[in-house]
Amino acid sequence: MPTAEPITGRENLEDLSTPEQALAQFYRAFNTRDIDLMSKNWDNSDEAVMDNPLGGIKRGWAEIRSVYETIFAGRGIVRVEFYDYTLHVHGDVFWAIGRERGTLEHDRQNVKLSIRTTRIFRRVSGQWRQVHHHGSIEDPALLDTYQRAIRTDSQA
């Protein structure tokens, strides 16, 4: 049964040993544009992989980090929360499958975002670290708007 209560990043992060708090740490880093906190959330190895709506597959923390730096440096502000999700834990790995909703504030416009999302974490030295993210925007017009806003900002 999917969890209805969203993860926003505003949750208490005192005990990062739980999957929910590892997810909350990611959303806090993303929504506050905190690249240092994002670095603590992701596995900083070459094994980390991201396939997100900006296109392409990024392998290794260095490539993944560059995507977040582009998003964080842009004029557009992206904020999302994770909802309608299920968590699956198996030993030192967990995966979360659900949806993100949020907004892209860009050039005086507010665009509502809707993204299908999967995140995979593994336990490293007692802490959950993200090793995979896949996000898809189903609506072609929304995907185009999102990509143009982020790419235009990175080229300005």
N, C-alpha and C. Protein backbone atom coordinates (compact mmCIF):
# COMPACT_ATOMS: atom_id res chain seq x y z
N MET A 1 0.84 -1.18 0.00
CA MET A 1 0.00 0.00 0.00
C MET A 1 0.89 1.25 0.00
N PRO A 2 0.73 2.13 -0.96
CA PRO A 2 1.55 3.35 -1.02
C PRO A 2 1.34 4.25 0.20
N THR A 3 2.41 4.93 0.57
CA THR A 3 2.37 5.90 1.66
C THR A 3 1.85 7.22 1.11
N ALA A 4 0.87 7.78 1.79
CA ALA A 4 0.25 9.03 1.32
C ALA A 4 0.99 10.26 1.83
N GLU A 5 1.57 10.17 3.03
CA GLU A 5 2.25 11.33 3.64
C GLU A 5 3.52 11.64 2.85
N PRO A 6 3.64 12.83 2.29
CA PRO A 6 4.81 13.14 1.46
C PRO A 6 6.09 13.33 2.27
N ILE A 7 7.20 13.09 1.62
CA ILE A 7 8.52 13.44 2.17
C ILE A 7 8.92 14.74 1.49
N THR A 8 9.17 15.76 2.29
CA THR A 8 9.39 17.11 1.76
C THR A 8 10.81 17.62 1.92
N GLY A 9 11.54 17.04 2.88
CA GLY A 9 12.85 17.57 3.22
C GLY A 9 12.81 18.43 4.48
N ARG A 10 11.61 18.69 4.97
CA ARG A 10 11.48 19.47 6.21
C ARG A 10 11.41 18.59 7.45
N GLU A 11 11.56 17.28 7.26
CA GLU A 11 11.51 16.34 8.37
C GLU A 11 12.75 16.44 9.25
N ASN A 12 12.65 15.89 10.45
CA ASN A 12 13.77 15.82 11.38
C ASN A 12 14.81 14.85 10.80
N LEU A 13 16.07 15.27 10.77
CA LEU A 13 17.13 14.43 10.20
C LEU A 13 18.12 13.94 11.26
N GLU A 14 17.66 13.79 12.49
CA GLU A 14 18.59 13.38 13.56
C GLU A 14 19.09 11.96 13.40
N ASP A 15 18.26 11.05 12.87
CA ASP A 15 18.63 9.64 12.78
C ASP A 15 18.57 9.21 11.31
N LEU A 16 19.69 9.31 10.62
CA LEU A 16 19.71 8.99 9.20
C LEU A 16 19.81 7.49 8.93
N SER A 17 19.51 6.68 9.94
CA SER A 17 19.59 5.23 9.76
C SER A 17 18.31 4.67 9.14
N THR A 18 17.27 5.48 9.01
CA THR A 18 16.02 4.98 8.43
C THR A 18 15.91 5.40 6.96
N PRO A 19 15.29 4.57 6.14
CA PRO A 19 15.08 4.93 4.74
C PRO A 19 14.35 6.27 4.58
N GLU A 20 13.32 6.49 5.38
CA GLU A 20 12.55 7.72 5.27
C GLU A 20 13.42 8.95 5.49
N GLN A 21 14.33 8.87 6.46
CA GLN A 21 15.17 10.03 6.73
C GLN A 21 16.26 10.18 5.66
N ALA A 22 16.71 9.09 5.07
CA ALA A 22 17.65 9.21 3.95
C ALA A 22 16.97 9.91 2.78
N LEU A 23 15.72 9.57 2.53
CA LEU A 23 14.95 10.25 1.48
C LEU A 23 14.73 11.72 1.84
N ALA A 24 14.40 11.98 3.11
CA ALA A 24 14.19 13.37 3.55
C ALA A 24 15.47 14.19 3.39
N GLN A 25 16.61 13.58 3.66
CA GLN A 25 17.88 14.29 3.48
C GLN A 25 18.06 14.68 2.02
N PHE A 26 17.73 13.77 1.10
CA PHE A 26 17.84 14.11 -0.32
C PHE A 26 16.94 15.30 -0.66
N TYR A 27 15.69 15.26 -0.23
CA TYR A 27 14.75 16.33 -0.59
C TYR A 27 15.12 17.65 0.09
N ARG A 28 15.70 17.59 1.26
CA ARG A 28 16.19 18.82 1.88
C ARG A 28 17.33 19.41 1.04
N ALA A 29 18.27 18.56 0.67
CA ALA A 29 19.40 19.03 -0.14
C ALA A 29 18.91 19.62 -1.46
N PHE A 30 17.98 18.93 -2.11
CA PHE A 30 17.48 19.40 -3.40
C PHE A 30 16.72 20.71 -3.26
N ASN A 31 15.79 20.75 -2.34
CA ASN A 31 14.91 21.92 -2.21
C ASN A 31 15.61 23.15 -1.65
N THR A 32 16.74 22.95 -0.97
CA THR A 32 17.50 24.10 -0.45
C THR A 32 18.74 24.38 -1.29
N ARG A 33 18.91 23.62 -2.37
CA ARG A 33 20.05 23.80 -3.28
C ARG A 33 21.39 23.66 -2.56
N ASP A 34 21.47 22.65 -1.72
CA ASP A 34 22.65 22.44 -0.87
C ASP A 34 23.49 21.30 -1.46
N ILE A 35 24.50 21.65 -2.25
CA ILE A 35 25.30 20.64 -2.93
C ILE A 35 26.15 19.84 -1.94
N ASP A 36 26.54 20.44 -0.82
CA ASP A 36 27.32 19.70 0.19
C ASP A 36 26.46 18.62 0.84
N LEU A 37 25.22 18.95 1.18
CA LEU A 37 24.32 17.96 1.75
C LEU A 37 23.98 16.89 0.71
N MET A 38 23.83 17.30 -0.55
CA MET A 38 23.56 16.34 -1.62
C MET A 38 24.72 15.35 -1.73
N SER A 39 25.93 15.84 -1.59
CA SER A 39 27.11 14.98 -1.64
C SER A 39 27.11 13.95 -0.52
N LYS A 40 26.57 14.32 0.64
CA LYS A 40 26.48 13.38 1.77
C LYS A 40 25.40 12.34 1.53
N ASN A 41 24.40 12.66 0.72
CA ASN A 41 23.30 11.74 0.46
C ASN A 41 23.67 10.69 -0.59
N TRP A 42 24.41 11.10 -1.61
CA TRP A 42 24.77 10.19 -2.69
C TRP A 42 26.02 9.40 -2.35
N ASP A 43 26.10 8.19 -2.86
CA ASP A 43 27.33 7.41 -2.81
C ASP A 43 28.31 8.09 -3.76
N ASN A 44 29.43 8.51 -3.25
CA ASN A 44 30.37 9.29 -4.04
C ASN A 44 31.27 8.43 -4.93
N SER A 45 30.86 7.21 -5.19
CA SER A 45 31.67 6.30 -6.00
C SER A 45 31.28 6.38 -7.48
N ASP A 46 32.04 5.66 -8.29
CA ASP A 46 31.75 5.56 -9.72
C ASP A 46 30.56 4.65 -9.99
N GLU A 47 30.07 3.94 -8.97
CA GLU A 47 28.95 3.02 -9.15
C GLU A 47 27.60 3.73 -9.14
N ALA A 48 27.53 4.97 -8.66
CA ALA A 48 26.27 5.71 -8.63
C ALA A 48 25.83 6.05 -10.06
N VAL A 49 24.52 5.97 -10.31
CA VAL A 49 23.98 6.21 -11.64
C VAL A 49 22.68 7.02 -11.53
N MET A 50 22.52 7.98 -12.43
CA MET A 50 21.30 8.79 -12.45
C MET A 50 20.79 8.91 -13.89
N ASP A 51 19.48 8.72 -14.04
CA ASP A 51 18.79 8.89 -15.32
C ASP A 51 17.59 9.78 -15.03
N ASN A 52 17.72 11.08 -15.30
CA ASN A 52 16.65 12.00 -14.91
C ASN A 52 16.08 12.75 -16.10
N PRO A 53 15.06 13.59 -15.87
CA PRO A 53 14.39 14.26 -16.99
C PRO A 53 15.27 15.21 -17.81
N LEU A 54 16.44 15.55 -17.35
CA LEU A 54 17.30 16.41 -18.16
C LEU A 54 17.97 15.64 -19.28
N GLY A 55 17.86 14.31 -19.23
CA GLY A 55 18.34 13.50 -20.34
C GLY A 55 19.68 12.87 -20.08
N GLY A 56 19.85 11.72 -20.69
CA GLY A 56 21.12 11.01 -20.59
C GLY A 56 21.26 10.26 -19.28
N ILE A 57 22.23 9.38 -19.26
CA ILE A 57 22.56 8.64 -18.06
C ILE A 57 23.87 9.19 -17.53
N LYS A 58 23.88 9.56 -16.27
CA LYS A 58 25.09 10.08 -15.63
C LYS A 58 25.64 8.99 -14.74
N ARG A 59 26.93 8.72 -14.89
CA ARG A 59 27.58 7.64 -14.13
C ARG A 59 28.66 8.23 -13.25
N GLY A 60 28.63 7.85 -11.99
CA GLY A 60 29.61 8.34 -11.04
C GLY A 60 29.20 9.68 -10.45
N TRP A 61 29.64 9.89 -9.21
CA TRP A 61 29.24 11.09 -8.49
C TRP A 61 29.63 12.38 -9.22
N ALA A 62 30.78 12.43 -9.85
CA ALA A 62 31.22 13.66 -10.51
C ALA A 62 30.22 14.09 -11.59
N GLU A 63 29.76 13.17 -12.41
CA GLU A 63 28.77 13.51 -13.45
C GLU A 63 27.42 13.88 -12.84
N ILE A 64 27.01 13.13 -11.82
CA ILE A 64 25.73 13.40 -11.15
C ILE A 64 25.77 14.77 -10.49
N ARG A 65 26.86 15.06 -9.82
CA ARG A 65 27.01 16.35 -9.15
C ARG A 65 26.86 17.51 -10.14
N SER A 66 27.40 17.35 -11.34
CA SER A 66 27.32 18.43 -12.33
C SER A 66 25.87 18.73 -12.71
N VAL A 67 25.00 17.72 -12.72
CA VAL A 67 23.59 17.95 -13.02
C VAL A 67 22.95 18.80 -11.92
N TYR A 68 23.22 18.44 -10.66
CA TYR A 68 22.65 19.21 -9.55
C TYR A 68 23.22 20.63 -9.52
N GLU A 69 24.49 20.77 -9.82
CA GLU A 69 25.09 22.12 -9.85
C GLU A 69 24.41 22.98 -10.91
N THR A 70 24.10 22.39 -12.05
CA THR A 70 23.39 23.12 -13.10
C THR A 70 22.01 23.56 -12.63
N ILE A 71 21.28 22.64 -12.03
CA ILE A 71 19.94 22.96 -11.53
C ILE A 71 20.02 24.04 -10.46
N PHE A 72 20.93 23.89 -9.51
CA PHE A 72 21.03 24.81 -8.38
C PHE A 72 21.50 26.20 -8.80
N ALA A 73 22.31 26.29 -9.84
CA ALA A 73 22.85 27.57 -10.27
C ALA A 73 21.90 28.36 -11.16
N GLY A 74 20.86 27.73 -11.65
CA GLY A 74 19.96 28.39 -12.59
C GLY A 74 19.05 29.42 -11.94
N ARG A 75 18.45 30.26 -12.78
CA ARG A 75 17.48 31.25 -12.31
C ARG A 75 16.19 30.57 -11.87
N GLY A 76 15.88 29.45 -12.50
CA GLY A 76 14.66 28.72 -12.14
C GLY A 76 14.82 28.02 -10.80
N ILE A 77 13.77 28.06 -10.02
CA ILE A 77 13.76 27.39 -8.71
C ILE A 77 12.87 26.16 -8.83
N VAL A 78 13.44 24.99 -8.56
CA VAL A 78 12.69 23.74 -8.61
C VAL A 78 12.54 23.24 -7.19
N ARG A 79 11.30 22.93 -6.81
CA ARG A 79 11.02 22.33 -5.50
C ARG A 79 10.09 21.15 -5.71
N VAL A 80 10.40 20.03 -5.06
CA VAL A 80 9.57 18.84 -5.20
C VAL A 80 9.42 18.13 -3.86
N GLU A 81 8.38 17.32 -3.79
CA GLU A 81 8.20 16.41 -2.65
C GLU A 81 7.84 15.05 -3.21
N PHE A 82 8.13 14.02 -2.41
CA PHE A 82 7.95 12.63 -2.81
C PHE A 82 6.69 12.09 -2.13
N TYR A 83 5.78 11.52 -2.91
CA TYR A 83 4.52 11.04 -2.34
C TYR A 83 4.05 9.80 -3.11
N ASP A 84 2.98 9.20 -2.63
CA ASP A 84 2.39 8.02 -3.27
C ASP A 84 3.48 6.98 -3.55
N TYR A 85 4.26 6.68 -2.52
CA TYR A 85 5.43 5.83 -2.71
C TYR A 85 5.36 4.56 -1.88
N THR A 86 6.14 3.59 -2.30
CA THR A 86 6.35 2.38 -1.52
C THR A 86 7.85 2.24 -1.25
N LEU A 87 8.17 1.70 -0.09
CA LEU A 87 9.56 1.44 0.30
C LEU A 87 9.76 -0.07 0.37
N HIS A 88 10.90 -0.51 -0.10
CA HIS A 88 11.23 -1.93 -0.10
C HIS A 88 12.65 -2.07 0.42
N VAL A 89 12.80 -2.76 1.55
CA VAL A 89 14.11 -2.93 2.18
C VAL A 89 14.51 -4.39 2.09
N HIS A 90 15.73 -4.61 1.64
CA HIS A 90 16.28 -5.96 1.59
C HIS A 90 17.74 -5.88 2.02
N GLY A 91 18.01 -6.25 3.26
CA GLY A 91 19.38 -6.20 3.77
C GLY A 91 19.93 -4.80 3.76
N ASP A 92 21.03 -4.60 3.08
CA ASP A 92 21.69 -3.29 3.04
C ASP A 92 21.30 -2.46 1.83
N VAL A 93 20.14 -2.77 1.25
CA VAL A 93 19.64 -2.00 0.10
C VAL A 93 18.17 -1.67 0.33
N PHE A 94 17.77 -0.47 -0.07
CA PHE A 94 16.34 -0.17 -0.14
C PHE A 94 16.07 0.62 -1.41
N TRP A 95 14.85 0.47 -1.88
CA TRP A 95 14.42 1.25 -3.03
C TRP A 95 13.06 1.84 -2.72
N ALA A 96 12.84 3.02 -3.27
CA ALA A 96 11.59 3.75 -3.10
C ALA A 96 11.04 4.07 -4.48
N ILE A 97 9.78 3.73 -4.69
CA ILE A 97 9.13 3.94 -5.98
C ILE A 97 7.89 4.78 -5.75
N GLY A 98 7.81 5.92 -6.43
CA GLY A 98 6.66 6.78 -6.23
C GLY A 98 6.62 7.93 -7.22
N ARG A 99 6.11 9.04 -6.73
CA ARG A 99 5.92 10.21 -7.57
C ARG A 99 6.47 11.45 -6.87
N GLU A 100 6.91 12.39 -7.68
CA GLU A 100 7.28 13.71 -7.17
C GLU A 100 6.29 14.71 -7.75
N ARG A 101 5.92 15.66 -6.91
CA ARG A 101 5.12 16.79 -7.38
C ARG A 101 5.81 18.04 -6.86
N GLY A 102 5.67 19.10 -7.60
CA GLY A 102 6.31 20.32 -7.17
C GLY A 102 6.12 21.42 -8.18
N THR A 103 7.04 22.38 -8.13
CA THR A 103 6.94 23.53 -9.02
C THR A 103 8.31 23.91 -9.58
N LEU A 104 8.26 24.48 -10.75
CA LEU A 104 9.39 25.14 -11.36
C LEU A 104 8.98 26.60 -11.50
N GLU A 105 9.66 27.47 -10.74
CA GLU A 105 9.43 28.90 -10.84
C GLU A 105 10.50 29.45 -11.77
N HIS A 106 10.07 29.96 -12.93
CA HIS A 106 11.03 30.40 -13.93
C HIS A 106 10.42 31.52 -14.76
N ASP A 107 11.15 32.61 -14.91
CA ASP A 107 10.69 33.75 -15.71
C ASP A 107 9.25 34.15 -15.37
N ARG A 108 9.00 34.32 -14.09
CA ARG A 108 7.70 34.76 -13.57
C ARG A 108 6.56 33.78 -13.85
N GLN A 109 6.91 32.55 -14.13
CA GLN A 109 5.90 31.51 -14.33
C GLN A 109 6.07 30.43 -13.28
N ASN A 110 4.95 29.85 -12.88
CA ASN A 110 4.95 28.71 -11.98
C ASN A 110 4.45 27.51 -12.77
N VAL A 111 5.32 26.53 -12.99
CA VAL A 111 4.95 25.34 -13.74
C VAL A 111 4.83 24.20 -12.74
N LYS A 112 3.70 23.50 -12.75
CA LYS A 112 3.51 22.35 -11.86
C LYS A 112 4.23 21.15 -12.45
N LEU A 113 5.04 20.50 -11.61
CA LEU A 113 5.81 19.34 -12.03
C LEU A 113 5.16 18.05 -11.54
N SER A 114 5.25 17.03 -12.35
CA SER A 114 4.77 15.69 -12.01
C SER A 114 5.78 14.70 -12.60
N ILE A 115 6.47 13.97 -11.70
CA ILE A 115 7.59 13.12 -12.11
C ILE A 115 7.45 11.74 -11.47
N ARG A 116 7.56 10.69 -12.28
CA ARG A 116 7.64 9.33 -11.73
C ARG A 116 9.08 9.12 -11.28
N THR A 117 9.25 8.56 -10.09
CA THR A 117 10.59 8.51 -9.50
C THR A 117 10.88 7.18 -8.82
N THR A 118 12.09 6.70 -9.06
CA THR A 118 12.63 5.55 -8.33
C THR A 118 13.99 5.94 -7.79
N ARG A 119 14.23 5.64 -6.53
CA ARG A 119 15.53 5.89 -5.90
C ARG A 119 15.98 4.62 -5.20
N ILE A 120 17.27 4.31 -5.33
CA ILE A 120 17.85 3.13 -4.69
C ILE A 120 19.00 3.59 -3.81
N PHE A 121 19.03 3.08 -2.59
CA PHE A 121 20.07 3.40 -1.61
C PHE A 121 20.71 2.10 -1.14
N ARG A 122 21.98 2.20 -0.73
CA ARG A 122 22.63 1.07 -0.06
C ARG A 122 23.30 1.60 1.21
N ARG A 123 23.42 0.72 2.17
CA ARG A 123 24.03 1.10 3.44
C ARG A 123 25.54 1.02 3.30
N VAL A 124 26.21 2.14 3.60
CA VAL A 124 27.66 2.23 3.56
C VAL A 124 28.11 2.75 4.91
N SER A 125 28.87 1.95 5.64
CA SER A 125 29.36 2.33 6.97
C SER A 125 28.22 2.81 7.86
N GLY A 126 27.09 2.10 7.82
CA GLY A 126 25.95 2.40 8.69
C GLY A 126 25.04 3.51 8.21
N GLN A 127 25.35 4.13 7.07
CA GLN A 127 24.53 5.23 6.56
C GLN A 127 23.98 4.88 5.18
N TRP A 128 22.73 5.23 4.94
CA TRP A 128 22.15 5.03 3.63
C TRP A 128 22.72 6.05 2.65
N ARG A 129 23.18 5.56 1.50
CA ARG A 129 23.73 6.42 0.45
C ARG A 129 23.01 6.08 -0.86
N GLN A 130 22.59 7.11 -1.57
CA GLN A 130 21.86 6.91 -2.82
C GLN A 130 22.82 6.41 -3.90
N VAL A 131 22.40 5.36 -4.62
CA VAL A 131 23.23 4.82 -5.69
C VAL A 131 22.54 4.87 -7.05
N HIS A 132 21.23 5.14 -7.05
CA HIS A 132 20.53 5.23 -8.33
C HIS A 132 19.29 6.10 -8.21
N HIS A 133 19.05 6.86 -9.26
CA HIS A 133 17.81 7.63 -9.38
C HIS A 133 17.35 7.55 -10.83
N HIS A 134 16.07 7.30 -10.99
CA HIS A 134 15.45 7.39 -12.31
C HIS A 134 14.19 8.23 -12.16
N GLY A 135 14.09 9.28 -12.97
CA GLY A 135 12.90 10.13 -12.97
C GLY A 135 12.40 10.33 -14.38
N SER A 136 11.08 10.30 -14.54
CA SER A 136 10.47 10.48 -15.86
C SER A 136 9.31 11.44 -15.77
N ILE A 137 9.27 12.39 -16.69
CA ILE A 137 8.12 13.27 -16.84
C ILE A 137 7.33 12.73 -18.02
N GLU A 138 6.08 12.32 -17.76
CA GLU A 138 5.27 11.66 -18.78
C GLU A 138 4.74 12.64 -19.83
N ASP A 139 4.37 13.83 -19.42
CA ASP A 139 3.76 14.81 -20.32
C ASP A 139 4.85 15.45 -21.19
N PRO A 140 4.81 15.21 -22.52
CA PRO A 140 5.87 15.74 -23.40
C PRO A 140 6.01 17.27 -23.34
N ALA A 141 4.91 17.98 -23.23
CA ALA A 141 4.98 19.45 -23.17
C ALA A 141 5.64 19.90 -21.87
N LEU A 142 5.31 19.25 -20.76
CA LEU A 142 5.92 19.58 -19.47
C LEU A 142 7.41 19.25 -19.50
N LEU A 143 7.77 18.11 -20.06
CA LEU A 143 9.17 17.73 -20.17
C LEU A 143 9.95 18.77 -20.97
N ASP A 144 9.40 19.21 -22.08
CA ASP A 144 10.05 20.22 -22.91
C ASP A 144 10.23 21.53 -22.14
N THR A 145 9.19 21.96 -21.43
CA THR A 145 9.26 23.20 -20.64
C THR A 145 10.36 23.10 -19.59
N TYR A 146 10.40 21.98 -18.88
CA TYR A 146 11.40 21.76 -17.83
C TYR A 146 12.81 21.76 -18.42
N GLN A 147 13.02 21.00 -19.46
CA GLN A 147 14.36 20.92 -20.06
C GLN A 147 14.81 22.27 -20.61
N ARG A 148 13.93 22.98 -21.26
CA ARG A 148 14.30 24.29 -21.82
C ARG A 148 14.66 25.27 -20.70
N ALA A 149 13.89 25.27 -19.63
CA ALA A 149 14.17 26.22 -18.52
C ALA A 149 15.53 25.94 -17.90
N ILE A 150 15.82 24.68 -17.60
CA ILE A 150 17.09 24.34 -16.95
C ILE A 150 18.26 24.53 -17.92
N ARG A 151 18.12 24.09 -19.15
CA ARG A 151 19.21 24.21 -20.12
C ARG A 151 19.48 25.66 -20.50
N THR A 152 18.43 26.45 -20.64
CA THR A 152 18.60 27.88 -20.98
C THR A 152 19.37 28.58 -19.87
N ASP A 153 19.04 28.28 -18.62
CA ASP A 153 19.73 28.89 -17.49
C ASP A 153 21.20 28.49 -17.47
N SER A 154 21.50 27.24 -17.80
CA SER A 154 22.90 26.79 -17.72
C SER A 154 23.75 27.38 -18.84
N GLN A 155 23.12 27.85 -19.90
CA GLN A 155 23.86 28.41 -21.02
C GLN A 155 23.96 29.92 -20.94
N ALA A 156 23.22 30.51 -20.00
CA ALA A 156 23.21 32.00 -19.89
C ALA A 156 24.48 32.52 -19.27
